[in-house]
Amino acid sequence: MLINNFEVSIMNLSNLDEIKSILESEFDNFWNYNIFKSELENPNSTYFIIKQNSQIIGFIGILKIFDTAEITNIVVKKAFRGKRYI
């Protein structure tokens, strides 16, 4: 799906491999590969990636609990923060 020149899609493990080298430096210290991999493998979690010009610039996590959904995090690459794109 395209929104204001941004591509939004469901994240999968191949996307995680794509951002593996920049997880900790660009998305702050909390994000390491193993923690993120376990989140992606959780059947109650869904992550969406946001791309601009084929580059992942951020992601959002949603946790499904029964009939509700909770946004667990919104993460944006440091160079794209504070730009008020949407």
Protein backbone atom coordinates (compact mmCIF):
# COMPACT_ATOMS: atom_id res chain seq x y z
CA MET A 1 0.00 0.00 0.00
CA LEU A 2 1.30 3.48 -0.88
CA ILE A 3 0.60 6.41 1.45
CA ASN A 4 2.14 9.82 0.65
CA ASN A 5 4.99 8.18 -1.31
CA PHE A 6 5.64 5.69 1.49
CA GLU A 7 5.20 1.96 1.03
CA VAL A 8 3.63 0.10 3.96
CA SER A 9 3.71 -3.70 4.20
CA ILE A 10 3.76 -6.50 6.76
CA MET A 11 7.25 -7.22 8.07
CA ASN A 12 8.75 -10.69 7.76
CA LEU A 13 12.06 -12.31 8.66
CA SER A 14 13.66 -11.31 5.34
CA ASN A 15 13.01 -7.66 6.25
CA LEU A 16 14.67 -8.27 9.60
CA ASP A 17 17.73 -9.63 7.83
CA GLU A 18 17.68 -6.50 5.65
CA ILE A 19 17.93 -4.16 8.66
CA LYS A 20 20.01 -6.42 10.91
CA SER A 21 23.19 -4.36 10.55
CA ILE A 22 21.50 -1.08 11.54
CA LEU A 23 19.02 -2.21 14.21
CA GLU A 24 20.97 -0.98 17.22
CA SER A 25 22.58 2.11 15.68
CA GLU A 26 19.60 3.50 13.79
CA PHE A 27 16.69 2.24 15.86
CA ASP A 28 18.18 2.77 19.36
CA ASN A 29 19.72 0.26 21.74
CA PHE A 30 16.60 -1.75 22.62
CA TRP A 31 16.42 -3.42 19.22
CA ASN A 32 18.69 -6.38 18.83
CA TYR A 33 18.22 -9.16 16.31
CA ASN A 34 17.20 -11.93 18.74
CA ILE A 35 14.58 -9.87 20.59
CA PHE A 36 13.11 -8.67 17.32
CA LYS A 37 13.14 -12.15 15.78
CA SER A 38 11.15 -13.54 18.71
CA GLU A 39 8.64 -10.70 18.32
CA LEU A 40 8.18 -11.51 14.62
CA GLU A 41 7.66 -15.19 15.46
CA ASN A 42 4.99 -14.40 18.07
CA PRO A 43 1.61 -15.28 16.50
CA ASN A 44 -0.04 -12.43 18.44
CA SER A 45 2.33 -9.76 17.09
CA THR A 46 2.24 -8.07 13.72
CA TYR A 47 4.83 -5.60 12.51
CA PHE A 48 4.53 -3.27 9.56
CA ILE A 49 7.48 -1.67 7.77
CA ILE A 50 7.51 1.75 6.17
CA LYS A 51 9.74 2.22 3.12
CA GLN A 52 10.70 5.27 1.15
CA ASN A 53 12.51 4.72 -2.14
CA SER A 54 12.87 1.01 -1.29
CA GLN A 55 14.66 1.83 1.99
CA ILE A 56 13.14 0.79 5.33
CA ILE A 57 12.80 3.96 7.39
CA GLY A 58 10.65 2.66 10.23
CA PHE A 59 8.30 0.09 11.62
CA ILE A 60 5.30 -0.25 13.91
CA GLY A 61 4.34 -3.19 16.12
CA ILE A 62 0.85 -4.32 17.06
CA LEU A 63 -0.02 -6.89 19.72
CA LYS A 64 -3.35 -8.67 19.31
CA ILE A 65 -5.11 -9.64 22.55
CA PHE A 66 -8.45 -11.39 22.08
CA ASP A 67 -10.55 -8.90 20.13
CA THR A 68 -8.34 -5.84 20.65
CA ALA A 69 -5.05 -4.59 19.24
CA GLU A 70 -2.45 -2.54 21.06
CA ILE A 71 0.28 -0.52 19.38
CA THR A 72 3.44 -1.70 21.11
CA ASN A 73 5.90 0.63 19.42
CA ILE A 74 6.53 3.04 16.59
CA VAL A 75 10.16 3.23 15.52
CA VAL A 76 11.69 5.61 12.98
CA LYS A 77 15.23 5.76 11.65
CA LYS A 78 17.09 8.66 13.26
CA ALA A 79 17.54 10.63 10.02
CA PHE A 80 13.77 10.60 9.42
CA ARG A 81 12.58 11.62 12.90
CA GLY A 82 10.76 14.90 13.44
CA LYS A 83 10.04 15.44 9.74
CA ARG A 84 6.21 15.36 10.10
CA TYR A 85 5.64 13.37 6.96
CA ILE A 86 2.06 12.49 7.77
